[in-house]
Amino acid sequence: MSSDQGSSSSPLLVLHKVAEILGCFSVGEPEPTLQQIIRQTGLPSSTCQRLVQNMVREGFLDRDGDRYRIGIGMVRWAAPGTLGLDLVKLVKPVLQQLRDETGESACLYVRDGAFRTVVAVAETRHVVMRPFMVGMVMPLHAGAPGKIFLAYDPDAWSSLGEAELSRYTPATPGTLELLRAQAQAAREQGYYAAFGERNEDVGSVSAPVFDHTGRLAGVLGLGFPTQRITPGDVPRLGPIVARAAAAASNALAYQNVTHKD
């Protein structure tokens, strides 16, 4: 405590260095090594190593072998920031009902630029599962939820126009033309299913949630391992997800007004 009082700039310098380290983590590179962090930040090795160790100890980062990732503690601290949203409060019962009806994890997503973020989850009770946590950030172009954003939110395209379409698996869409066709299909059927676009063993089925003005408020969807759910299950699950999304829209006082494109 006394060292902080000795120099008013010291805490700010430390926070700046911590921010530089956190800036090394991204959707494209979620698990950098210490050497990668040192190179990217330009910090002295000893300083960077000490800060990273302290960040692991305090829950800002987690360590797995020689790699690091954003800590579960930091995700937990961020979660209350979403709980104040009426969207989350009103839609969460619908997520729980969807989880109970299908047995799979139900998530609510909002868009931030070219990415989508999980803001609420009702997690599956199956032993075999893919974890979905509040605060998870994923690319817009990979996975079913992104197709819904692109189908119903015109601003999503302008955000995506500046982003590189990274290929995560052979199934990841690599061109805007393919994405436009997928978004059109999503709009025509009112839901969309994708398999193995972000992780080869994960699939998703999603549908739009509208607010009282008729604008897209978020995307509701199921996430599941492909060993349990296959494309053959989509004709059954798609309408279920669409009905759940409609129930969520009703909770937001959606009156089936014309969508603003």
C-alpha atoms as a PDB file:
ATOM      1  CA  MET A   1       0.000   0.000   0.000  1.00  0.00           C
ATOM      2  CA  SER A   2       2.822   2.379   0.898  1.00  0.00           C
ATOM      3  CA  SER A   3       4.516   1.850  -2.463  1.00  0.00           C
ATOM      4  CA  ASP A   4       1.349   2.993  -4.242  1.00  0.00           C
ATOM      5  CA  GLN A   5       1.253   6.124  -2.137  1.00  0.00           C
ATOM      6  CA  GLY A   6       4.873   6.892  -3.028  1.00  0.00           C
ATOM      7  CA  SER A   7       4.102   7.415  -6.705  1.00  0.00           C
ATOM      8  CA  SER A   8       0.682   8.356  -8.005  1.00  0.00           C
ATOM      9  CA  SER A   9       1.602   7.098 -11.484  1.00  0.00           C
ATOM     10  CA  SER A  10       2.657   3.580 -10.438  1.00  0.00           C
ATOM     11  CA  PRO A  11      -0.836   2.030 -10.295  1.00  0.00           C
ATOM     12  CA  LEU A  12      -1.702   3.508 -13.694  1.00  0.00           C
ATOM     13  CA  LEU A  13       1.471   2.116 -15.237  1.00  0.00           C
ATOM     14  CA  VAL A  14       0.725  -1.338 -13.856  1.00  0.00           C
ATOM     15  CA  LEU A  15      -2.847  -1.209 -15.149  1.00  0.00           C
ATOM     16  CA  HIS A  16      -1.549  -0.175 -18.563  1.00  0.00           C
ATOM     17  CA  LYS A  17       0.771  -3.189 -18.627  1.00  0.00           C
ATOM     18  CA  VAL A  18      -2.041  -5.492 -17.521  1.00  0.00           C
ATOM     19  CA  ALA A  19      -4.206  -4.076 -20.304  1.00  0.00           C
ATOM     20  CA  GLU A  20      -1.412  -4.726 -22.816  1.00  0.00           C
ATOM     21  CA  ILE A  21      -1.214  -8.353 -21.673  1.00  0.00           C
ATOM     22  CA  LEU A  22      -4.992  -8.804 -21.894  1.00  0.00           C
ATOM     23  CA  GLY A  23      -4.823  -7.342 -25.395  1.00  0.00           C
ATOM     24  CA  CYS A  24      -2.807 -10.391 -26.468  1.00  0.00           C
ATOM     25  CA  PHE A  25      -5.906 -12.591 -26.154  1.00  0.00           C
ATOM     26  CA  SER A  26      -8.358 -12.709 -29.035  1.00  0.00           C
ATOM     27  CA  VAL A  27     -10.819 -15.020 -30.747  1.00  0.00           C
ATOM     28  CA  GLY A  28      -8.142 -15.826 -33.331  1.00  0.00           C
ATOM     29  CA  GLU A  29      -5.444 -16.407 -30.689  1.00  0.00           C
ATOM     30  CA  PRO A  30      -7.204 -17.343 -27.420  1.00  0.00           C
ATOM     31  CA  GLU A  31      -4.278 -19.248 -25.864  1.00  0.00           C
ATOM     32  CA  PRO A  32      -0.921 -17.513 -26.429  1.00  0.00           C
ATOM     33  CA  THR A  33       2.281 -18.706 -24.796  1.00  0.00           C
ATOM     34  CA  LEU A  34       4.317 -16.525 -22.445  1.00  0.00           C
ATOM     35  CA  GLN A  35       6.865 -15.909 -25.191  1.00  0.00           C
ATOM     36  CA  GLN A  36       4.131 -14.746 -27.548  1.00  0.00           C
ATOM     37  CA  ILE A  37       2.824 -12.366 -24.872  1.00  0.00           C
ATOM     38  CA  ILE A  38       6.322 -11.000 -24.283  1.00  0.00           C
ATOM     39  CA  ARG A  39       6.868 -10.410 -28.005  1.00  0.00           C
ATOM     40  CA  GLN A  40       3.476  -8.820 -28.561  1.00  0.00           C
ATOM     41  CA  THR A  41       3.598  -6.481 -25.552  1.00  0.00           C
ATOM     42  CA  GLY A  42       7.283  -5.601 -25.838  1.00  0.00           C
ATOM     43  CA  LEU A  43       7.562  -5.774 -22.050  1.00  0.00           C
ATOM     44  CA  PRO A  44      10.813  -6.963 -20.433  1.00  0.00           C
ATOM     45  CA  SER A  45      10.727 -10.735 -19.948  1.00  0.00           C
ATOM     46  CA  SER A  46      11.026 -10.602 -16.168  1.00  0.00           C
ATOM     47  CA  THR A  47       8.328  -7.934 -15.862  1.00  0.00           C
ATOM     48  CA  CYS A  48       5.941  -9.751 -18.175  1.00  0.00           C
ATOM     49  CA  GLN A  49       6.487 -13.099 -16.471  1.00  0.00           C
ATOM     50  CA  ARG A  50       5.876 -11.595 -13.029  1.00  0.00           C
ATOM     51  CA  LEU A  51       2.685  -9.846 -14.136  1.00  0.00           C
ATOM     52  CA  VAL A  52       1.343 -12.937 -15.892  1.00  0.00           C
ATOM     53  CA  GLN A  53       1.998 -15.065 -12.804  1.00  0.00           C
ATOM     54  CA  ASN A  54       0.185 -12.535 -10.631  1.00  0.00           C
ATOM     55  CA  MET A  55      -2.724 -12.400 -13.093  1.00  0.00           C
ATOM     56  CA  VAL A  56      -3.040 -16.195 -12.920  1.00  0.00           C
ATOM     57  CA  ARG A  57      -2.974 -16.049  -9.125  1.00  0.00           C
ATOM     58  CA  GLU A  58      -5.731 -13.417  -9.044  1.00  0.00           C
ATOM     59  CA  GLY A  59      -7.979 -15.128 -11.610  1.00  0.00           C
ATOM     60  CA  PHE A  60      -7.434 -12.752 -14.543  1.00  0.00           C
ATOM     61  CA  LEU A  61      -5.778 -15.585 -16.499  1.00  0.00           C
ATOM     62  CA  ASP A  62      -5.778 -19.378 -16.425  1.00  0.00           C
ATOM     63  CA  ARG A  63      -2.766 -21.515 -17.332  1.00  0.00           C
ATOM     64  CA  ASP A  64      -2.812 -24.795 -19.261  1.00  0.00           C
ATOM     65  CA  GLY A  65       0.687 -26.146 -19.757  1.00  0.00           C
ATOM     66  CA  ASP A  66       2.733 -23.445 -21.453  1.00  0.00           C
ATOM     67  CA  ARG A  67      -0.338 -21.559 -22.687  1.00  0.00           C
ATOM     68  CA  TYR A  68      -2.620 -18.999 -21.068  1.00  0.00           C
ATOM     69  CA  ARG A  69      -6.212 -17.966 -21.595  1.00  0.00           C
ATOM     70  CA  ILE A  70      -8.650 -15.444 -20.107  1.00  0.00           C
ATOM     71  CA  GLY A  71      -9.439 -16.669 -16.592  1.00  0.00           C
ATOM     72  CA  ILE A  72     -12.794 -17.988 -15.489  1.00  0.00           C
ATOM     73  CA  GLY A  73     -12.629 -15.457 -12.647  1.00  0.00           C
ATOM     74  CA  MET A  74     -12.610 -12.609 -15.128  1.00  0.00           C
ATOM     75  CA  VAL A  75     -15.582 -14.096 -16.992  1.00  0.00           C
ATOM     76  CA  ARG A  76     -17.418 -14.398 -13.666  1.00  0.00           C
ATOM     77  CA  TRP A  77     -16.701 -10.754 -12.797  1.00  0.00           C
ATOM     78  CA  ALA A  78     -17.993  -9.664 -16.201  1.00  0.00           C
ATOM     79  CA  ALA A  79     -21.243 -11.618 -15.865  1.00  0.00           C
ATOM     80  CA  PRO A  80     -23.049  -9.110 -13.573  1.00  0.00           C
ATOM     81  CA  GLY A  81     -22.656  -6.520 -16.315  1.00  0.00           C
ATOM     82  CA  THR A  82     -25.111  -8.501 -18.433  1.00  0.00           C
ATOM     83  CA  LEU A  83     -27.586  -9.350 -15.686  1.00  0.00           C
ATOM     84  CA  GLY A  84     -28.898  -5.810 -15.561  1.00  0.00           C
ATOM     85  CA  LEU A  85     -30.174  -6.068 -19.091  1.00  0.00           C
ATOM     86  CA  ASP A  86     -33.945  -6.476 -19.417  1.00  0.00           C
ATOM     87  CA  LEU A  87     -33.199  -8.720 -22.386  1.00  0.00           C
ATOM     88  CA  VAL A  88     -31.366 -11.235 -20.204  1.00  0.00           C
ATOM     89  CA  LYS A  89     -33.891 -11.158 -17.381  1.00  0.00           C
ATOM     90  CA  LEU A  90     -36.883 -11.585 -19.670  1.00  0.00           C
ATOM     91  CA  VAL A  91     -35.408 -14.262 -21.922  1.00  0.00           C
ATOM     92  CA  LYS A  92     -33.711 -16.457 -19.332  1.00  0.00           C
ATOM     93  CA  PRO A  93     -36.900 -18.429 -18.437  1.00  0.00           C
ATOM     94  CA  VAL A  94     -37.339 -19.187 -22.142  1.00  0.00           C
ATOM     95  CA  LEU A  95     -33.766 -20.493 -22.292  1.00  0.00           C
ATOM     96  CA  GLN A  96     -34.396 -22.776 -19.352  1.00  0.00           C
ATOM     97  CA  GLN A  97     -37.576 -24.109 -20.916  1.00  0.00           C
ATOM     98  CA  LEU A  98     -35.792 -24.710 -24.232  1.00  0.00           C
ATOM     99  CA  ARG A  99     -33.003 -26.558 -22.413  1.00  0.00           C
ATOM    100  CA  ASP A 100     -35.531 -28.725 -20.577  1.00  0.00           C
ATOM    101  CA  GLU A 101     -37.484 -29.476 -23.769  1.00  0.00           C
ATOM    102  CA  THR A 102     -34.476 -30.431 -25.889  1.00  0.00           C
ATOM    103  CA  GLY A 103     -31.914 -31.503 -23.302  1.00  0.00           C
ATOM    104  CA  GLU A 104     -29.258 -29.311 -24.947  1.00  0.00           C
ATOM    105  CA  SER A 105     -27.542 -26.080 -23.868  1.00  0.00           C
ATOM    106  CA  ALA A 106     -29.601 -22.996 -24.733  1.00  0.00           C
ATOM    107  CA  CYS A 107     -27.829 -19.647 -25.217  1.00  0.00           C
ATOM    108  CA  LEU A 108     -28.721 -16.026 -25.876  1.00  0.00           C
ATOM    109  CA  TYR A 109     -26.320 -13.971 -27.994  1.00  0.00           C
ATOM    110  CA  VAL A 110     -25.922 -10.275 -28.719  1.00  0.00           C
ATOM    111  CA  ARG A 111     -23.720  -8.791 -31.438  1.00  0.00           C
ATOM    112  CA  ASP A 112     -20.662  -6.626 -30.919  1.00  0.00           C
ATOM    113  CA  GLY A 113     -19.203  -5.653 -34.266  1.00  0.00           C
ATOM    114  CA  ALA A 114     -18.060  -8.738 -36.151  1.00  0.00           C
ATOM    115  CA  PHE A 115     -18.451 -10.928 -33.069  1.00  0.00           C
ATOM    116  CA  ARG A 116     -21.255 -12.445 -31.015  1.00  0.00           C
ATOM    117  CA  THR A 117     -21.226 -12.738 -27.233  1.00  0.00           C
ATOM    118  CA  VAL A 118     -23.077 -15.148 -24.957  1.00  0.00           C
ATOM    119  CA  VAL A 119     -25.085 -13.112 -22.427  1.00  0.00           C
ATOM    120  CA  ALA A 120     -27.199 -15.897 -20.889  1.00  0.00           C
ATOM    121  CA  VAL A 121     -26.997 -19.700 -20.753  1.00  0.00           C
ATOM    122  CA  ALA A 122     -29.151 -22.602 -19.607  1.00  0.00           C
ATOM    123  CA  GLU A 123     -26.615 -25.414 -19.623  1.00  0.00           C
ATOM    124  CA  THR A 124     -27.363 -29.002 -20.622  1.00  0.00           C
ATOM    125  CA  ARG A 125     -27.440 -31.658 -17.931  1.00  0.00           C
ATOM    126  CA  HIS A 126     -25.805 -34.225 -20.212  1.00  0.00           C
ATOM    127  CA  VAL A 127     -22.414 -35.509 -19.104  1.00  0.00           C
ATOM    128  CA  VAL A 128     -21.091 -35.191 -22.663  1.00  0.00           C
ATOM    129  CA  MET A 129     -21.283 -31.499 -23.471  1.00  0.00           C
ATOM    130  CA  ARG A 130     -19.542 -28.487 -24.948  1.00  0.00           C
ATOM    131  CA  PRO A 131     -19.272 -25.692 -22.370  1.00  0.00           C
ATOM    132  CA  PHE A 132     -20.998 -22.395 -23.078  1.00  0.00           C
ATOM    133  CA  MET A 133     -20.362 -19.587 -20.595  1.00  0.00           C
ATOM    134  CA  VAL A 134     -21.589 -16.030 -20.198  1.00  0.00           C
ATOM    135  CA  GLY A 135     -18.973 -13.768 -21.715  1.00  0.00           C
ATOM    136  CA  MET A 136     -17.795 -16.154 -24.445  1.00  0.00           C
ATOM    137  CA  VAL A 137     -17.004 -14.237 -27.632  1.00  0.00           C
ATOM    138  CA  MET A 138     -17.211 -15.950 -31.018  1.00  0.00           C
ATOM    139  CA  PRO A 139     -16.840 -14.835 -34.637  1.00  0.00           C
ATOM    140  CA  LEU A 140     -19.994 -13.762 -36.433  1.00  0.00           C
ATOM    141  CA  HIS A 141     -19.386 -15.711 -39.634  1.00  0.00           C
ATOM    142  CA  ALA A 142     -18.908 -19.147 -38.020  1.00  0.00           C
ATOM    143  CA  GLY A 143     -21.882 -20.930 -36.476  1.00  0.00           C
ATOM    144  CA  ALA A 144     -25.656 -20.703 -36.746  1.00  0.00           C
ATOM    145  CA  PRO A 145     -26.200 -17.625 -34.516  1.00  0.00           C
ATOM    146  CA  GLY A 146     -24.096 -15.477 -36.837  1.00  0.00           C
ATOM    147  CA  LYS A 147     -26.289 -16.384 -39.811  1.00  0.00           C
ATOM    148  CA  ILE A 148     -29.307 -15.055 -37.927  1.00  0.00           C
ATOM    149  CA  PHE A 149     -27.552 -11.777 -37.154  1.00  0.00           C
ATOM    150  CA  LEU A 150     -26.608 -11.459 -40.820  1.00  0.00           C
ATOM    151  CA  ALA A 151     -30.162 -12.304 -41.900  1.00  0.00           C
ATOM    152  CA  TYR A 152     -31.934  -9.757 -39.704  1.00  0.00           C
ATOM    153  CA  ASP A 153     -29.405  -7.082 -38.696  1.00  0.00           C
ATOM    154  CA  PRO A 154     -28.177  -4.995 -41.658  1.00  0.00           C
ATOM    155  CA  ASP A 155     -25.465  -3.390 -39.526  1.00  0.00           C
ATOM    156  CA  ALA A 156     -23.884  -6.816 -39.105  1.00  0.00           C
ATOM    157  CA  TRP A 157     -22.751  -6.770 -42.735  1.00  0.00           C
ATOM    158  CA  SER A 158     -20.948  -3.450 -42.419  1.00  0.00           C
ATOM    159  CA  SER A 159     -19.108  -4.757 -39.355  1.00  0.00           C
ATOM    160  CA  LEU A 160     -18.185  -7.951 -41.129  1.00  0.00           C
ATOM    161  CA  GLY A 161     -16.941  -6.098 -44.175  1.00  0.00           C
ATOM    162  CA  GLU A 162     -13.803  -5.031 -42.318  1.00  0.00           C
ATOM    163  CA  ALA A 163     -13.092  -8.436 -40.783  1.00  0.00           C
ATOM    164  CA  GLU A 164     -11.110 -11.337 -42.201  1.00  0.00           C
ATOM    165  CA  LEU A 165     -13.152 -14.521 -42.615  1.00  0.00           C
ATOM    166  CA  SER A 166     -10.839 -16.813 -40.671  1.00  0.00           C
ATOM    167  CA  ARG A 167     -11.187 -20.522 -41.426  1.00  0.00           C
ATOM    168  CA  TYR A 168     -11.513 -22.558 -38.222  1.00  0.00           C
ATOM    169  CA  THR A 169     -12.545 -25.835 -39.866  1.00  0.00           C
ATOM    170  CA  PRO A 170     -13.158 -27.010 -43.446  1.00  0.00           C
ATOM    171  CA  ALA A 171     -16.840 -26.154 -42.903  1.00  0.00           C
ATOM    172  CA  THR A 172     -16.213 -22.495 -41.987  1.00  0.00           C
ATOM    173  CA  PRO A 173     -17.651 -20.157 -44.663  1.00  0.00           C
ATOM    174  CA  GLY A 174     -14.788 -18.504 -46.492  1.00  0.00           C
ATOM    175  CA  THR A 175     -16.579 -16.030 -48.770  1.00  0.00           C
ATOM    176  CA  LEU A 176     -19.177 -13.297 -48.408  1.00  0.00           C
ATOM    177  CA  GLU A 177     -21.154 -14.858 -51.250  1.00  0.00           C
ATOM    178  CA  LEU A 178     -21.596 -18.070 -49.286  1.00  0.00           C
ATOM    179  CA  LEU A 179     -22.510 -16.118 -46.165  1.00  0.00           C
ATOM    180  CA  ARG A 180     -25.168 -14.177 -48.076  1.00  0.00           C
ATOM    181  CA  ALA A 181     -26.716 -17.415 -49.312  1.00  0.00           C
ATOM    182  CA  GLN A 182     -26.715 -18.822 -45.783  1.00  0.00           C
ATOM    183  CA  ALA A 183     -28.252 -15.643 -44.362  1.00  0.00           C
ATOM    184  CA  GLN A 184     -30.955 -15.763 -47.029  1.00  0.00           C
ATOM    185  CA  ALA A 185     -31.727 -19.378 -46.127  1.00  0.00           C
ATOM    186  CA  ALA A 186     -31.929 -18.398 -42.459  1.00  0.00           C
ATOM    187  CA  ARG A 187     -34.402 -15.643 -43.234  1.00  0.00           C
ATOM    188  CA  GLU A 188     -36.556 -17.876 -45.421  1.00  0.00           C
ATOM    189  CA  GLN A 189     -36.958 -20.643 -42.852  1.00  0.00           C
ATOM    190  CA  GLY A 190     -36.838 -18.516 -39.686  1.00  0.00           C
ATOM    191  CA  TYR A 191     -33.990 -20.505 -38.138  1.00  0.00           C
ATOM    192  CA  TYR A 192     -30.612 -21.865 -39.165  1.00  0.00           C
ATOM    193  CA  ALA A 193     -28.526 -24.924 -38.325  1.00  0.00           C
ATOM    194  CA  ALA A 194     -24.753 -25.230 -38.676  1.00  0.00           C
ATOM    195  CA  PHE A 195     -22.381 -28.094 -37.968  1.00  0.00           C
ATOM    196  CA  GLY A 196     -18.645 -27.949 -37.390  1.00  0.00           C
ATOM    197  CA  GLU A 197     -18.094 -24.365 -38.551  1.00  0.00           C
ATOM    198  CA  ARG A 198     -16.218 -23.134 -35.459  1.00  0.00           C
ATOM    199  CA  ASN A 199     -15.272 -26.458 -33.856  1.00  0.00           C
ATOM    200  CA  GLU A 200     -15.567 -29.672 -35.828  1.00  0.00           C
ATOM    201  CA  ASP A 201     -17.443 -31.451 -33.029  1.00  0.00           C
ATOM    202  CA  VAL A 202     -19.970 -28.681 -32.264  1.00  0.00           C
ATOM    203  CA  GLY A 203     -23.269 -27.812 -33.920  1.00  0.00           C
ATOM    204  CA  SER A 204     -25.896 -25.148 -33.336  1.00  0.00           C
ATOM    205  CA  VAL A 205     -29.457 -24.228 -34.247  1.00  0.00           C
ATOM    206  CA  SER A 206     -30.549 -20.591 -33.828  1.00  0.00           C
ATOM    207  CA  ALA A 207     -33.471 -18.217 -34.389  1.00  0.00           C
ATOM    208  CA  PRO A 208     -34.086 -14.442 -34.056  1.00  0.00           C
ATOM    209  CA  VAL A 209     -35.437 -12.596 -31.015  1.00  0.00           C
ATOM    210  CA  PHE A 210     -37.129  -9.232 -31.746  1.00  0.00           C
ATOM    211  CA  ASP A 211     -37.876  -6.331 -29.410  1.00  0.00           C
ATOM    212  CA  HIS A 212     -41.015  -4.183 -29.169  1.00  0.00           C
ATOM    213  CA  THR A 213     -39.894  -2.058 -32.134  1.00  0.00           C
ATOM    214  CA  GLY A 214     -39.468  -5.064 -34.403  1.00  0.00           C
ATOM    215  CA  ARG A 215     -35.676  -4.820 -34.405  1.00  0.00           C
ATOM    216  CA  LEU A 216     -33.420  -7.783 -33.770  1.00  0.00           C
ATOM    217  CA  ALA A 217     -32.660  -7.821 -30.032  1.00  0.00           C
ATOM    218  CA  GLY A 218     -30.559 -10.968 -29.959  1.00  0.00           C
ATOM    219  CA  VAL A 219     -30.275 -14.530 -31.153  1.00  0.00           C
ATOM    220  CA  LEU A 220     -31.452 -17.574 -29.251  1.00  0.00           C
ATOM    221  CA  GLY A 221     -29.957 -20.953 -29.991  1.00  0.00           C
ATOM    222  CA  LEU A 222     -28.975 -24.453 -29.005  1.00  0.00           C
ATOM    223  CA  GLY A 223     -25.370 -25.638 -28.876  1.00  0.00           C
ATOM    224  CA  PHE A 224     -24.484 -29.327 -28.797  1.00  0.00           C
ATOM    225  CA  PRO A 225     -21.857 -31.963 -29.595  1.00  0.00           C
ATOM    226  CA  THR A 226     -22.293 -33.432 -33.062  1.00  0.00           C
ATOM    227  CA  GLN A 227     -21.940 -36.938 -31.699  1.00  0.00           C
ATOM    228  CA  ARG A 228     -25.381 -36.510 -30.128  1.00  0.00           C
ATOM    229  CA  ILE A 229     -27.188 -34.190 -32.570  1.00  0.00           C
ATOM    230  CA  THR A 230     -26.869 -34.594 -36.352  1.00  0.00           C
ATOM    231  CA  PRO A 231     -28.343 -32.805 -39.394  1.00  0.00           C
ATOM    232  CA  GLY A 232     -31.112 -35.385 -39.306  1.00  0.00           C
ATOM    233  CA  ASP A 233     -32.364 -33.824 -36.073  1.00  0.00           C
ATOM    234  CA  VAL A 234     -32.725 -30.338 -37.566  1.00  0.00           C
ATOM    235  CA  PRO A 235     -36.302 -30.761 -38.912  1.00  0.00           C
ATOM    236  CA  ARG A 236     -37.340 -31.544 -35.324  1.00  0.00           C
ATOM    237  CA  LEU A 237     -35.167 -29.026 -33.449  1.00  0.00           C
ATOM    238  CA  GLY A 238     -35.430 -26.082 -35.851  1.00  0.00           C
ATOM    239  CA  PRO A 239     -39.136 -25.400 -35.257  1.00  0.00           C
ATOM    240  CA  ILE A 240     -38.655 -25.889 -31.499  1.00  0.00           C
ATOM    241  CA  VAL A 241     -35.931 -23.236 -31.425  1.00  0.00           C
ATOM    242  CA  ALA A 242     -38.025 -20.928 -33.622  1.00  0.00           C
ATOM    243  CA  ARG A 243     -40.991 -21.251 -31.241  1.00  0.00           C
ATOM    244  CA  ALA A 244     -38.735 -20.526 -28.259  1.00  0.00           C
ATOM    245  CA  ALA A 245     -37.367 -17.440 -30.018  1.00  0.00           C
ATOM    246  CA  ALA A 246     -40.932 -16.315 -30.718  1.00  0.00           C
ATOM    247  CA  ALA A 247     -41.757 -16.750 -27.009  1.00  0.00           C
ATOM    248  CA  ALA A 248     -38.691 -14.660 -26.134  1.00  0.00           C
ATOM    249  CA  SER A 249     -39.832 -11.988 -28.605  1.00  0.00           C
ATOM    250  CA  ASN A 250     -43.269 -11.965 -26.987  1.00  0.00           C
ATOM    251  CA  ALA A 251     -41.593 -11.461 -23.604  1.00  0.00           C
ATOM    252  CA  LEU A 252     -39.988  -8.348 -25.093  1.00  0.00           C
ATOM    253  CA  ALA A 253     -43.426  -7.092 -26.240  1.00  0.00           C
ATOM    254  CA  TYR A 254     -42.804  -7.838 -29.900  1.00  0.00           C
ATOM    255  CA  GLN A 255     -45.988  -7.182 -31.867  1.00  0.00           C
ATOM    256  CA  ASN A 256     -44.998  -8.754 -35.210  1.00  0.00           C
ATOM    257  CA  VAL A 257     -44.368  -5.354 -36.758  1.00  0.00           C
ATOM    258  CA  THR A 258     -42.404  -5.111 -39.989  1.00  0.00           C
ATOM    259  CA  HIS A 259     -38.701  -5.697 -39.446  1.00  0.00           C
ATOM    260  CA  LYS A 260     -36.583  -2.624 -40.157  1.00  0.00           C
ATOM    261  CA  ASP A 261     -34.003  -3.562 -42.708  1.00  0.00           C
END
